[in-house]
C-alpha atoms as a PDB file:
ATOM      1  CA  UNK A   1     -84.022  30.872 -28.564  1.00  0.00           C
ATOM      2  CA  UNK A   2     -82.024  29.540 -25.935  1.00  0.00           C
ATOM      3  CA  UNK A   3     -80.279  30.344 -22.385  1.00  0.00           C
ATOM      4  CA  UNK A   4     -77.526  28.732 -20.721  1.00  0.00           C
ATOM      5  CA  UNK A   5     -76.091  29.562 -17.560  1.00  0.00           C
ATOM      6  CA  UNK A   6     -72.211  29.257 -17.694  1.00  0.00           C
ATOM      7  CA  UNK A   7     -71.790  30.815 -14.087  1.00  0.00           C
ATOM      8  CA  UNK A   8     -74.448  31.121 -11.370  1.00  0.00           C
ATOM      9  CA  UNK A   9     -72.896  32.135  -8.009  1.00  0.00           C
ATOM     10  CA  UNK A  10     -72.516  35.431  -6.225  1.00  0.00           C
ATOM     11  CA  UNK A  11     -69.374  37.319  -5.527  1.00  0.00           C
ATOM     12  CA  UNK A  12     -66.797  34.569  -6.017  1.00  0.00           C
ATOM     13  CA  UNK A  13     -66.385  31.141  -7.928  1.00  0.00           C
ATOM     14  CA  UNK A  14     -67.061  27.800  -5.284  1.00  0.00           C
ATOM     15  CA  UNK A  15     -66.748  23.742  -6.000  1.00  0.00           C
ATOM     16  CA  UNK A  16     -70.490  24.142  -7.378  1.00  0.00           C
ATOM     17  CA  UNK A  17     -70.830  27.343  -9.011  1.00  0.00           C
ATOM     18  CA  UNK A  18     -69.017  29.783 -11.222  1.00  0.00           C
ATOM     19  CA  UNK A  19     -69.166  33.470 -11.033  1.00  0.00           C
ATOM     20  CA  UNK A  20     -72.230  35.305 -13.530  1.00  0.00           C
ATOM     21  CA  UNK A  21     -72.008  34.607 -16.837  1.00  0.00           C
ATOM     22  CA  UNK A  22     -75.366  33.267 -19.241  1.00  0.00           C
ATOM     23  CA  UNK A  23     -74.806  32.833 -23.126  1.00  0.00           C
ATOM     24  CA  UNK A  24     -78.694  33.894 -25.120  1.00  0.00           C
ATOM     25  CA  UNK A  25     -78.219  31.415 -28.191  1.00  0.00           C
ATOM     26  CA  UNK A  26     -79.817  33.209 -31.196  1.00  0.00           C
ATOM     27  CA  UNK A  27     -78.286  30.967 -33.670  1.00  0.00           C
ATOM     28  CA  UNK A  28     -81.911  29.783 -34.972  1.00  0.00           C
ATOM     29  CA  UNK A  29     -82.513  33.475 -35.318  1.00  0.00           C
ATOM     30  CA  UNK A  30     -79.385  34.123 -37.289  1.00  0.00           C
ATOM     31  CA  UNK A  31     -77.747  36.241 -34.607  1.00  0.00           C
ATOM     32  CA  UNK A  32     -75.238  33.785 -33.113  1.00  0.00           C
ATOM     33  CA  UNK A  33     -74.729  34.433 -29.225  1.00  0.00           C
ATOM     34  CA  UNK A  34     -75.239  37.251 -26.938  1.00  0.00           C
ATOM     35  CA  UNK A  35     -73.387  36.773 -24.029  1.00  0.00           C
ATOM     36  CA  UNK A  36     -74.384  38.678 -20.615  1.00  0.00           C
ATOM     37  CA  UNK A  37     -71.855  39.355 -18.256  1.00  0.00           C
ATOM     38  CA  UNK A  38     -68.458  37.059 -18.448  1.00  0.00           C
ATOM     39  CA  UNK A  39     -67.342  36.368 -14.888  1.00  0.00           C
ATOM     40  CA  UNK A  40     -63.696  35.121 -13.716  1.00  0.00           C
ATOM     41  CA  UNK A  41     -63.133  31.296 -15.910  1.00  0.00           C
ATOM     42  CA  UNK A  42     -66.326  31.936 -18.240  1.00  0.00           C
ATOM     43  CA  UNK A  43     -63.860  30.621 -21.293  1.00  0.00           C
ATOM     44  CA  UNK A  44     -63.245  27.557 -19.085  1.00  0.00           C
ATOM     45  CA  UNK A  45     -66.877  26.861 -18.418  1.00  0.00           C
ATOM     46  CA  UNK A  46     -67.769  26.709 -22.431  1.00  0.00           C
ATOM     47  CA  UNK A  47     -64.970  24.283 -23.038  1.00  0.00           C
ATOM     48  CA  UNK A  48     -67.938  21.877 -21.351  1.00  0.00           C
ATOM     49  CA  UNK A  49     -70.700  23.087 -23.584  1.00  0.00           C
ATOM     50  CA  UNK A  50     -70.913  23.055 -27.246  1.00  0.00           C
ATOM     51  CA  UNK A  51     -70.811  26.943 -27.227  1.00  0.00           C
ATOM     52  CA  UNK A  52     -68.013  28.535 -29.472  1.00  0.00           C
ATOM     53  CA  UNK A  53     -66.362  31.641 -28.334  1.00  0.00           C
ATOM     54  CA  UNK A  54     -66.169  32.863 -32.144  1.00  0.00           C
ATOM     55  CA  UNK A  55     -70.148  33.037 -32.465  1.00  0.00           C
ATOM     56  CA  UNK A  56     -70.443  35.541 -29.166  1.00  0.00           C
ATOM     57  CA  UNK A  57     -70.868  38.956 -31.275  1.00  0.00           C
ATOM     58  CA  UNK A  58     -72.691  40.766 -28.536  1.00  0.00           C
ATOM     59  CA  UNK A  59     -71.080  41.113 -24.650  1.00  0.00           C
ATOM     60  CA  UNK A  60     -73.411  42.467 -22.061  1.00  0.00           C
ATOM     61  CA  UNK A  61     -71.912  43.690 -18.787  1.00  0.00           C
ATOM     62  CA  UNK A  62     -74.407  44.632 -16.276  1.00  0.00           C
ATOM     63  CA  UNK A  63     -72.166  46.445 -13.790  1.00  0.00           C
ATOM     64  CA  UNK A  64     -68.135  46.474 -13.156  1.00  0.00           C
ATOM     65  CA  UNK A  65     -68.026  44.341 -10.237  1.00  0.00           C
ATOM     66  CA  UNK A  66     -65.554  41.357 -10.710  1.00  0.00           C
ATOM     67  CA  UNK A  67     -67.713  38.792 -10.572  1.00  0.00           C
ATOM     68  CA  UNK A  68     -69.214  39.745 -13.375  1.00  0.00           C
ATOM     69  CA  UNK A  69     -66.411  40.842 -15.525  1.00  0.00           C
ATOM     70  CA  UNK A  70     -63.171  39.052 -14.742  1.00  0.00           C
ATOM     71  CA  UNK A  71     -63.356  36.778 -17.536  1.00  0.00           C
ATOM     72  CA  UNK A  72     -63.757  38.984 -20.086  1.00  0.00           C
ATOM     73  CA  UNK A  73     -59.767  39.584 -21.106  1.00  0.00           C
ATOM     74  CA  UNK A  74     -59.647  35.592 -21.337  1.00  0.00           C
ATOM     75  CA  UNK A  75     -62.085  35.228 -23.313  1.00  0.00           C
ATOM     76  CA  UNK A  76     -61.727  38.005 -25.816  1.00  0.00           C
ATOM     77  CA  UNK A  77     -58.177  36.574 -26.045  1.00  0.00           C
ATOM     78  CA  UNK A  78     -59.445  33.051 -26.534  1.00  0.00           C
ATOM     79  CA  UNK A  79     -62.076  34.296 -29.214  1.00  0.00           C
ATOM     80  CA  UNK A  80     -59.136  36.025 -31.536  1.00  0.00           C
ATOM     81  CA  UNK A  81     -57.022  32.508 -30.871  1.00  0.00           C
ATOM     82  CA  UNK A  82     -60.240  30.493 -32.025  1.00  0.00           C
ATOM     83  CA  UNK A  83     -60.241  31.908 -35.285  1.00  0.00           C
ATOM     84  CA  UNK A  84     -63.053  34.588 -34.651  1.00  0.00           C
ATOM     85  CA  UNK A  85     -62.645  37.650 -36.881  1.00  0.00           C
ATOM     86  CA  UNK A  86     -65.996  39.443 -36.679  1.00  0.00           C
ATOM     87  CA  UNK A  87     -66.289  42.609 -34.920  1.00  0.00           C
ATOM     88  CA  UNK A  88     -67.453  42.166 -30.959  1.00  0.00           C
ATOM     89  CA  UNK A  89     -69.747  44.895 -29.532  1.00  0.00           C
ATOM     90  CA  UNK A  90     -69.379  45.418 -26.076  1.00  0.00           C
ATOM     91  CA  UNK A  91     -72.138  47.424 -23.929  1.00  0.00           C
ATOM     92  CA  UNK A  92     -71.528  48.585 -20.646  1.00  0.00           C
ATOM     93  CA  UNK A  93     -71.620  51.246 -18.033  1.00  0.00           C
ATOM     94  CA  UNK A  94     -68.534  54.076 -18.378  1.00  0.00           C
ATOM     95  CA  UNK A  95     -65.261  52.667 -17.671  1.00  0.00           C
ATOM     96  CA  UNK A  96     -65.922  49.191 -19.000  1.00  0.00           C
ATOM     97  CA  UNK A  97     -63.334  50.498 -22.170  1.00  0.00           C
ATOM     98  CA  UNK A  98     -60.906  51.850 -20.136  1.00  0.00           C
ATOM     99  CA  UNK A  99     -60.805  48.842 -17.959  1.00  0.00           C
ATOM    100  CA  UNK A 100     -60.512  46.242 -21.061  1.00  0.00           C
ATOM    101  CA  UNK A 101     -58.349  48.723 -23.071  1.00  0.00           C
ATOM    102  CA  UNK A 102     -55.669  48.759 -20.146  1.00  0.00           C
ATOM    103  CA  UNK A 103     -55.761  45.252 -19.839  1.00  0.00           C
ATOM    104  CA  UNK A 104     -55.286  44.265 -23.311  1.00  0.00           C
ATOM    105  CA  UNK A 105     -52.491  46.883 -23.344  1.00  0.00           C
ATOM    106  CA  UNK A 106     -50.588  45.880 -20.481  1.00  0.00           C
ATOM    107  CA  UNK A 107     -50.636  42.472 -21.148  1.00  0.00           C
ATOM    108  CA  UNK A 108     -49.876  43.346 -24.884  1.00  0.00           C
ATOM    109  CA  UNK A 109     -53.009  41.101 -26.092  1.00  0.00           C
ATOM    110  CA  UNK A 110     -53.335  41.919 -29.658  1.00  0.00           C
ATOM    111  CA  UNK A 111     -56.960  40.649 -31.303  1.00  0.00           C
ATOM    112  CA  UNK A 112     -57.840  39.749 -34.605  1.00  0.00           C
ATOM    113  CA  UNK A 113     -60.903  41.568 -34.825  1.00  0.00           C
ATOM    114  CA  UNK A 114     -62.398  45.025 -33.944  1.00  0.00           C
ATOM    115  CA  UNK A 115     -63.940  45.869 -30.516  1.00  0.00           C
ATOM    116  CA  UNK A 116     -66.610  48.123 -30.786  1.00  0.00           C
ATOM    117  CA  UNK A 117     -67.696  49.320 -27.214  1.00  0.00           C
ATOM    118  CA  UNK A 118     -70.882  51.075 -26.284  1.00  0.00           C
ATOM    119  CA  UNK A 119     -70.760  53.160 -23.094  1.00  0.00           C
ATOM    120  CA  UNK A 120     -73.923  54.103 -21.832  1.00  0.00           C
ATOM    121  CA  UNK A 121     -75.166  55.810 -18.303  1.00  0.00           C
ATOM    122  CA  UNK A 122     -78.699  56.260 -18.550  1.00  0.00           C
ATOM    123  CA  UNK A 123     -82.198  54.364 -19.114  1.00  0.00           C
ATOM    124  CA  UNK A 124     -83.151  53.514 -22.835  1.00  0.00           C
ATOM    125  CA  UNK A 125     -82.719  51.855 -26.211  1.00  0.00           C
ATOM    126  CA  UNK A 126     -78.761  50.314 -26.556  1.00  0.00           C
ATOM    127  CA  UNK A 127     -79.691  47.996 -29.849  1.00  0.00           C
ATOM    128  CA  UNK A 128     -81.956  47.641 -32.755  1.00  0.00           C
ATOM    129  CA  UNK A 129     -82.428  45.717 -35.833  1.00  0.00           C
ATOM    130  CA  UNK A 130     -85.041  44.670 -38.150  1.00  0.00           C
ATOM    131  CA  UNK A 131     -85.738  41.980 -35.741  1.00  0.00           C
ATOM    132  CA  UNK A 132     -85.150  42.674 -32.008  1.00  0.00           C
ATOM    133  CA  UNK A 133     -84.119  45.802 -29.766  1.00  0.00           C
ATOM    134  CA  UNK A 134     -82.411  45.720 -26.193  1.00  0.00           C
ATOM    135  CA  UNK A 135     -83.046  48.286 -23.811  1.00  0.00           C
ATOM    136  CA  UNK A 136     -81.584  49.224 -20.579  1.00  0.00           C
ATOM    137  CA  UNK A 137     -82.216  50.734 -17.348  1.00  0.00           C
ATOM    138  CA  UNK A 138     -80.676  51.088 -13.983  1.00  0.00           C
ATOM    139  CA  UNK A 139     -81.374  49.447 -11.244  1.00  0.00           C
ATOM    140  CA  UNK A 140     -80.666  49.607  -7.378  1.00  0.00           C
ATOM    141  CA  UNK A 141     -77.189  48.209  -6.237  1.00  0.00           C
ATOM    142  CA  UNK A 142     -74.180  49.403  -4.305  1.00  0.00           C
ATOM    143  CA  UNK A 143     -72.648  50.591  -7.832  1.00  0.00           C
ATOM    144  CA  UNK A 144     -74.442  51.413 -10.906  1.00  0.00           C
ATOM    145  CA  UNK A 145     -75.745  48.181 -11.883  1.00  0.00           C
ATOM    146  CA  UNK A 146     -78.697  47.516 -15.035  1.00  0.00           C
ATOM    147  CA  UNK A 147     -80.881  45.651 -16.315  1.00  0.00           C
ATOM    148  CA  UNK A 148     -81.761  44.091 -20.106  1.00  0.00           C
ATOM    149  CA  UNK A 149     -84.802  44.086 -21.760  1.00  0.00           C
ATOM    150  CA  UNK A 150     -84.711  42.143 -25.280  1.00  0.00           C
ATOM    151  CA  UNK A 151     -87.798  41.943 -27.225  1.00  0.00           C
ATOM    152  CA  UNK A 152     -88.070  39.983 -30.564  1.00  0.00           C
ATOM    153  CA  UNK A 153     -90.231  41.789 -32.913  1.00  0.00           C
ATOM    154  CA  UNK A 154     -93.609  40.200 -34.242  1.00  0.00           C
ATOM    155  CA  UNK A 155     -92.235  37.666 -36.855  1.00  0.00           C
ATOM    156  CA  UNK A 156     -93.944  37.445 -40.046  1.00  0.00           C
ATOM    157  CA  UNK A 157     -96.886  34.528 -40.677  1.00  0.00           C
ATOM    158  CA  UNK A 158     -96.372  31.459 -42.086  1.00  0.00           C
ATOM    159  CA  UNK A 159     -97.003  30.827 -46.173  1.00  0.00           C
ATOM    160  CA  UNK A 160    -100.503  29.048 -46.469  1.00  0.00           C
ATOM    161  CA  UNK A 161     -99.658  27.186 -49.198  1.00  0.00           C
ATOM    162  CA  UNK A 162    -102.912  25.482 -50.110  1.00  0.00           C
ATOM    163  CA  UNK A 163    -104.498  28.814 -50.141  1.00  0.00           C
ATOM    164  CA  UNK A 164    -101.586  30.134 -52.607  1.00  0.00           C
ATOM    165  CA  UNK A 165    -102.082  27.402 -54.825  1.00  0.00           C
ATOM    166  CA  UNK A 166    -105.868  27.050 -54.722  1.00  0.00           C
ATOM    167  CA  UNK A 167    -105.256  30.864 -55.938  1.00  0.00           C
ATOM    168  CA  UNK A 168    -103.668  29.778 -59.122  1.00  0.00           C
ATOM    169  CA  UNK A 169     -99.893  30.303 -57.851  1.00  0.00           C
ATOM    170  CA  UNK A 170     -97.518  27.482 -59.115  1.00  0.00           C
ATOM    171  CA  UNK A 171     -95.134  25.261 -57.132  1.00  0.00           C
ATOM    172  CA  UNK A 172     -91.768  27.169 -57.529  1.00  0.00           C
ATOM    173  CA  UNK A 173     -90.130  30.404 -57.277  1.00  0.00           C
ATOM    174  CA  UNK A 174     -92.996  32.561 -56.960  1.00  0.00           C
ATOM    175  CA  UNK A 175     -94.226  31.120 -53.530  1.00  0.00           C
ATOM    176  CA  UNK A 176     -90.977  31.870 -52.009  1.00  0.00           C
ATOM    177  CA  UNK A 177     -91.545  35.654 -53.353  1.00  0.00           C
ATOM    178  CA  UNK A 178     -95.266  35.745 -51.479  1.00  0.00           C
ATOM    179  CA  UNK A 179     -93.594  34.307 -48.617  1.00  0.00           C
ATOM    180  CA  UNK A 180     -91.045  36.980 -48.613  1.00  0.00           C
ATOM    181  CA  UNK A 181     -94.075  39.812 -48.508  1.00  0.00           C
ATOM    182  CA  UNK A 182     -94.411  40.198 -52.231  1.00  0.00           C
ATOM    183  CA  UNK A 183     -97.241  40.220 -54.252  1.00  0.00           C
ATOM    184  CA  UNK A 184     -96.718  37.772 -57.452  1.00  0.00           C
ATOM    185  CA  UNK A 185     -98.375  38.604 -60.839  1.00  0.00           C
ATOM    186  CA  UNK A 186     -99.638  35.153 -62.728  1.00  0.00           C
ATOM    187  CA  UNK A 187     -99.038  34.435 -66.486  1.00  0.00           C
ATOM    188  CA  UNK A 188    -102.927  35.262 -66.967  1.00  0.00           C
ATOM    189  CA  UNK A 189    -102.494  38.708 -65.453  1.00  0.00           C
ATOM    190  CA  UNK A 190    -103.894  37.927 -62.072  1.00  0.00           C
ATOM    191  CA  UNK A 191    -102.184  39.596 -59.186  1.00  0.00           C
ATOM    192  CA  UNK A 192    -102.132  37.615 -55.784  1.00  0.00           C
ATOM    193  CA  UNK A 193    -101.506  39.314 -52.926  1.00  0.00           C
ATOM    194  CA  UNK A 194     -98.902  38.318 -50.205  1.00  0.00           C
ATOM    195  CA  UNK A 195    -101.126  39.173 -47.598  1.00  0.00           C
ATOM    196  CA  UNK A 196    -103.915  37.282 -49.123  1.00  0.00           C
ATOM    197  CA  UNK A 197    -101.788  33.974 -48.647  1.00  0.00           C
ATOM    198  CA  UNK A 198     -99.849  34.773 -45.399  1.00  0.00           C
ATOM    199  CA  UNK A 199    -100.758  33.892 -41.696  1.00  0.00           C
ATOM    200  CA  UNK A 200    -101.022  36.423 -38.732  1.00  0.00           C
ATOM    201  CA  UNK A 201     -98.078  37.394 -37.620  1.00  0.00           C
ATOM    202  CA  UNK A 202     -96.550  35.798 -34.661  1.00  0.00           C
ATOM    203  CA  UNK A 203     -95.678  37.309 -31.090  1.00  0.00           C
ATOM    204  CA  UNK A 204     -91.468  37.462 -30.608  1.00  0.00           C
ATOM    205  CA  UNK A 205     -90.363  36.759 -27.107  1.00  0.00           C
ATOM    206  CA  UNK A 206     -89.191  38.849 -24.833  1.00  0.00           C
ATOM    207  CA  UNK A 207     -86.461  38.191 -21.847  1.00  0.00           C
ATOM    208  CA  UNK A 208     -85.276  40.299 -19.066  1.00  0.00           C
ATOM    209  CA  UNK A 209     -81.911  39.775 -17.953  1.00  0.00           C
ATOM    210  CA  UNK A 210     -81.289  42.051 -14.431  1.00  0.00           C
ATOM    211  CA  UNK A 211     -78.236  42.607 -13.220  1.00  0.00           C
ATOM    212  CA  UNK A 212     -77.349  42.681  -8.989  1.00  0.00           C
ATOM    213  CA  UNK A 213     -80.297  44.624  -7.842  1.00  0.00           C
ATOM    214  CA  UNK A 214     -82.037  44.737  -4.061  1.00  0.00           C
ATOM    215  CA  UNK A 215     -85.783  45.770  -4.862  1.00  0.00           C
ATOM    216  CA  UNK A 216     -86.779  48.249  -7.560  1.00  0.00           C
ATOM    217  CA  UNK A 217     -89.557  49.218  -9.908  1.00  0.00           C
ATOM    218  CA  UNK A 218     -86.810  49.425 -12.784  1.00  0.00           C
ATOM    219  CA  UNK A 219     -86.804  45.563 -12.109  1.00  0.00           C
ATOM    220  CA  UNK A 220     -90.695  45.486 -12.878  1.00  0.00           C
ATOM    221  CA  UNK A 221     -90.826  47.518 -15.949  1.00  0.00           C
ATOM    222  CA  UNK A 222     -87.716  45.990 -17.831  1.00  0.00           C
ATOM    223  CA  UNK A 223     -89.461  42.330 -16.690  1.00  0.00           C
ATOM    224  CA  UNK A 224     -93.192  43.635 -17.503  1.00  0.00           C
ATOM    225  CA  UNK A 225     -95.138  40.553 -19.394  1.00  0.00           C
ATOM    226  CA  UNK A 226     -91.795  39.049 -20.286  1.00  0.00           C
ATOM    227  CA  UNK A 227     -91.446  35.279 -21.400  1.00  0.00           C
ATOM    228  CA  UNK A 228     -88.662  34.837 -18.946  1.00  0.00           C
ATOM    229  CA  UNK A 229     -87.258  37.136 -16.260  1.00  0.00           C
ATOM    230  CA  UNK A 230     -83.913  36.253 -15.320  1.00  0.00           C
ATOM    231  CA  UNK A 231     -83.224  37.758 -11.472  1.00  0.00           C
ATOM    232  CA  UNK A 232     -80.743  37.724  -9.032  1.00  0.00           C
ATOM    233  CA  UNK A 233     -81.880  36.004  -5.886  1.00  0.00           C
ATOM    234  CA  UNK A 234     -78.324  35.989  -3.513  1.00  0.00           C
ATOM    235  CA  UNK A 235     -80.205  35.285  -0.418  1.00  0.00           C
ATOM    236  CA  UNK A 236     -83.270  33.545   0.922  1.00  0.00           C
ATOM    237  CA  UNK A 237     -85.839  35.381   3.801  1.00  0.00           C
ATOM    238  CA  UNK A 238     -83.465  33.918   6.724  1.00  0.00           C
ATOM    239  CA  UNK A 239     -80.686  35.749   5.357  1.00  0.00           C
ATOM    240  CA  UNK A 240     -82.781  38.747   3.985  1.00  0.00           C
ATOM    241  CA  UNK A 241     -80.684  41.490   5.946  1.00  0.00           C
ATOM    242  CA  UNK A 242     -77.651  40.695   4.119  1.00  0.00           C
ATOM    243  CA  UNK A 243     -79.581  41.358   0.704  1.00  0.00           C
ATOM    244  CA  UNK A 244     -80.768  44.640   2.044  1.00  0.00           C
ATOM    245  CA  UNK A 245     -77.417  45.522   3.517  1.00  0.00           C
ATOM    246  CA  UNK A 246     -75.385  44.628   0.221  1.00  0.00           C
ATOM    247  CA  UNK A 247     -77.732  45.999  -2.716  1.00  0.00           C
ATOM    248  CA  UNK A 248     -79.244  42.244  -3.501  1.00  0.00           C
ATOM    249  CA  UNK A 249     -82.364  40.674  -3.386  1.00  0.00           C
ATOM    250  CA  UNK A 250     -83.901  37.303  -1.748  1.00  0.00           C
ATOM    251  CA  UNK A 251     -85.303  34.881  -3.859  1.00  0.00           C
ATOM    252  CA  UNK A 252     -89.159  35.888  -2.437  1.00  0.00           C
ATOM    253  CA  UNK A 253     -88.281  39.431  -4.065  1.00  0.00           C
ATOM    254  CA  UNK A 254     -87.279  37.921  -6.999  1.00  0.00           C
ATOM    255  CA  UNK A 255     -90.382  36.133  -7.549  1.00  0.00           C
ATOM    256  CA  UNK A 256     -92.453  39.355  -6.442  1.00  0.00           C
ATOM    257  CA  UNK A 257     -90.913  41.035  -9.480  1.00  0.00           C
ATOM    258  CA  UNK A 258     -92.190  38.321 -11.749  1.00  0.00           C
ATOM    259  CA  UNK A 259     -95.435  38.189  -9.984  1.00  0.00           C
ATOM    260  CA  UNK A 260     -96.140  42.303 -10.197  1.00  0.00           C
ATOM    261  CA  UNK A 261     -94.632  42.197 -13.545  1.00  0.00           C
ATOM    262  CA  UNK A 262     -97.100  39.263 -14.969  1.00  0.00           C
ATOM    263  CA  UNK A 263     -94.137  37.707 -16.570  1.00  0.00           C
ATOM    264  CA  UNK A 264     -94.508  34.007 -17.379  1.00  0.00           C
ATOM    265  CA  UNK A 265     -91.258  32.354 -15.866  1.00  0.00           C
ATOM    266  CA  UNK A 266     -88.736  33.158 -13.046  1.00  0.00           C
ATOM    267  CA  UNK A 267     -85.009  32.152 -13.708  1.00  0.00           C
ATOM    268  CA  UNK A 268     -83.253  32.692 -10.067  1.00  0.00           C
ATOM    269  CA  UNK A 269     -79.100  32.774 -10.535  1.00  0.00           C
ATOM    270  CA  UNK A 270     -76.498  34.870  -8.678  1.00  0.00           C
ATOM    271  CA  UNK A 271     -76.889  32.262  -5.590  1.00  0.00           C
ATOM    272  CA  UNK A 272     -74.654  32.801  -2.337  1.00  0.00           C
ATOM    273  CA  UNK A 273     -72.515  29.891  -1.911  1.00  0.00           C
ATOM    274  CA  UNK A 274     -74.139  29.449   1.313  1.00  0.00           C
ATOM    275  CA  UNK A 275     -76.556  27.393  -0.023  1.00  0.00           C
ATOM    276  CA  UNK A 276     -75.707  23.814  -0.638  1.00  0.00           C
ATOM    277  CA  UNK A 277     -77.611  21.286  -3.067  1.00  0.00           C
ATOM    278  CA  UNK A 278     -79.807  20.201  -0.258  1.00  0.00           C
ATOM    279  CA  UNK A 279     -80.940  23.711   0.321  1.00  0.00           C
ATOM    280  CA  UNK A 280     -82.043  24.372  -2.987  1.00  0.00           C
ATOM    281  CA  UNK A 281     -85.546  22.803  -2.972  1.00  0.00           C
ATOM    282  CA  UNK A 282     -86.651  24.772  -0.094  1.00  0.00           C
ATOM    283  CA  UNK A 283     -85.235  28.132  -1.417  1.00  0.00           C
ATOM    284  CA  UNK A 284     -87.211  27.264  -4.556  1.00  0.00           C
ATOM    285  CA  UNK A 285     -90.532  26.772  -2.521  1.00  0.00           C
ATOM    286  CA  UNK A 286     -89.983  30.200  -1.030  1.00  0.00           C
ATOM    287  CA  UNK A 287     -90.082  31.661  -4.649  1.00  0.00           C
ATOM    288  CA  UNK A 288     -92.935  29.495  -5.469  1.00  0.00           C
ATOM    289  CA  UNK A 289     -94.851  30.635  -2.772  1.00  0.00           C
ATOM    290  CA  UNK A 290     -94.964  34.235  -4.170  1.00  0.00           C
ATOM    291  CA  UNK A 291     -95.087  33.179  -7.792  1.00  0.00           C
ATOM    292  CA  UNK A 292     -95.231  29.504  -8.736  1.00  0.00           C
ATOM    293  CA  UNK A 293     -93.617  29.267 -11.961  1.00  0.00           C
ATOM    294  CA  UNK A 294     -89.773  29.540 -10.847  1.00  0.00           C
ATOM    295  CA  UNK A 295     -86.796  27.795 -11.974  1.00  0.00           C
ATOM    296  CA  UNK A 296     -83.221  28.070 -10.214  1.00  0.00           C
ATOM    297  CA  UNK A 297     -80.350  27.729 -12.444  1.00  0.00           C
ATOM    298  CA  UNK A 298     -77.128  25.821 -12.081  1.00  0.00           C
ATOM    299  CA  UNK A 299     -73.836  25.989 -13.923  1.00  0.00           C
ATOM    300  CA  UNK A 300     -74.690  25.080 -17.038  1.00  0.00           C
ATOM    301  CA  UNK A 301     -78.634  24.587 -16.866  1.00  0.00           C
ATOM    302  CA  UNK A 302     -80.214  25.830 -20.036  1.00  0.00           C
ATOM    303  CA  UNK A 303     -83.983  26.961 -20.735  1.00  0.00           C
ATOM    304  CA  UNK A 304     -85.625  27.220 -24.204  1.00  0.00           C
ATOM    305  CA  UNK A 305     -89.277  28.266 -25.005  1.00  0.00           C
ATOM    306  CA  UNK A 306     -91.809  26.203 -26.407  1.00  0.00           C
ATOM    307  CA  UNK A 307     -95.179  27.106 -27.575  1.00  0.00           C
ATOM    308  CA  UNK A 308     -94.637  29.491 -24.917  1.00  0.00           C
ATOM    309  CA  UNK A 309     -93.671  27.731 -22.196  1.00  0.00           C
ATOM    310  CA  UNK A 310     -90.220  27.537 -20.729  1.00  0.00           C
ATOM    311  CA  UNK A 311     -88.562  23.940 -20.749  1.00  0.00           C
ATOM    312  CA  UNK A 312     -85.605  23.242 -18.729  1.00  0.00           C
ATOM    313  CA  UNK A 313     -83.239  20.920 -21.179  1.00  0.00           C
ATOM    314  CA  UNK A 314     -81.152  18.164 -19.908  1.00  0.00           C
ATOM    315  CA  UNK A 315     -77.620  19.293 -20.038  1.00  0.00           C
ATOM    316  CA  UNK A 316     -74.352  16.743 -19.509  1.00  0.00           C
ATOM    317  CA  UNK A 317     -71.257  18.424 -18.617  1.00  0.00           C
ATOM    318  CA  UNK A 318     -68.613  16.982 -21.054  1.00  0.00           C
END
């Protein structure tokens, strides 16, 4: 699992930050890429990374403000040009399908793949397969804005090879059957139970990715005991009245959500262009005064989970 931020700005692009877009890279989990929001010029940002548009198979839109969705038409058009022929699932509030279909129709943009729309207007489960669930909850913004909780289900334990060999299982395909959860019968009739040679299941990861919001209980519910909480932090305490006026959060409010939810790490994003690079250390420290494990994302920042800890990995823009 890796999170890569393609845009971390609020409202409109600046020289330092593009508008919002995040890619959850699940290649290691064989799920491709899931994108969360797609601000203007997201596809341009991807050109500076190793990410491939055709590998994005799910797009989650938090709300219908332009800085979170104006990049969709160009992105999905280029995805078609670049050989993406697998279906694309788009999840978003009511209106997202009408907006995209209208844009594609008026621009005569033809896609070589199916787009499957999943509009939702209430809290609940959006997606589930054998390994993951995604749930949504309404936050507190000036328009309906949602947050998402992505949970990886517990993973099977590893095969204890030495124990299997001691039980008489020969090296070869029988070991693979045990690893896949199937009991095996040896040549002498002995039955070796998979459960007896498989370690304890491993906890999966949990990530909360929240759309624009002021302080609310839904944020804490989505973030409960999450490994990573991605929360907007448009303002600092000095400009906190603007956060209140426009349905946004300060860095301290974002940190309070992570603290109250007993999360492991906070990644702050959706940063106002009023904050220059020289301001970010003080900005970060405001959050750390409330919750110690704070990261402030920049465009192209990458984060991974390693042994339960969040690591910021180096990225050089190509």
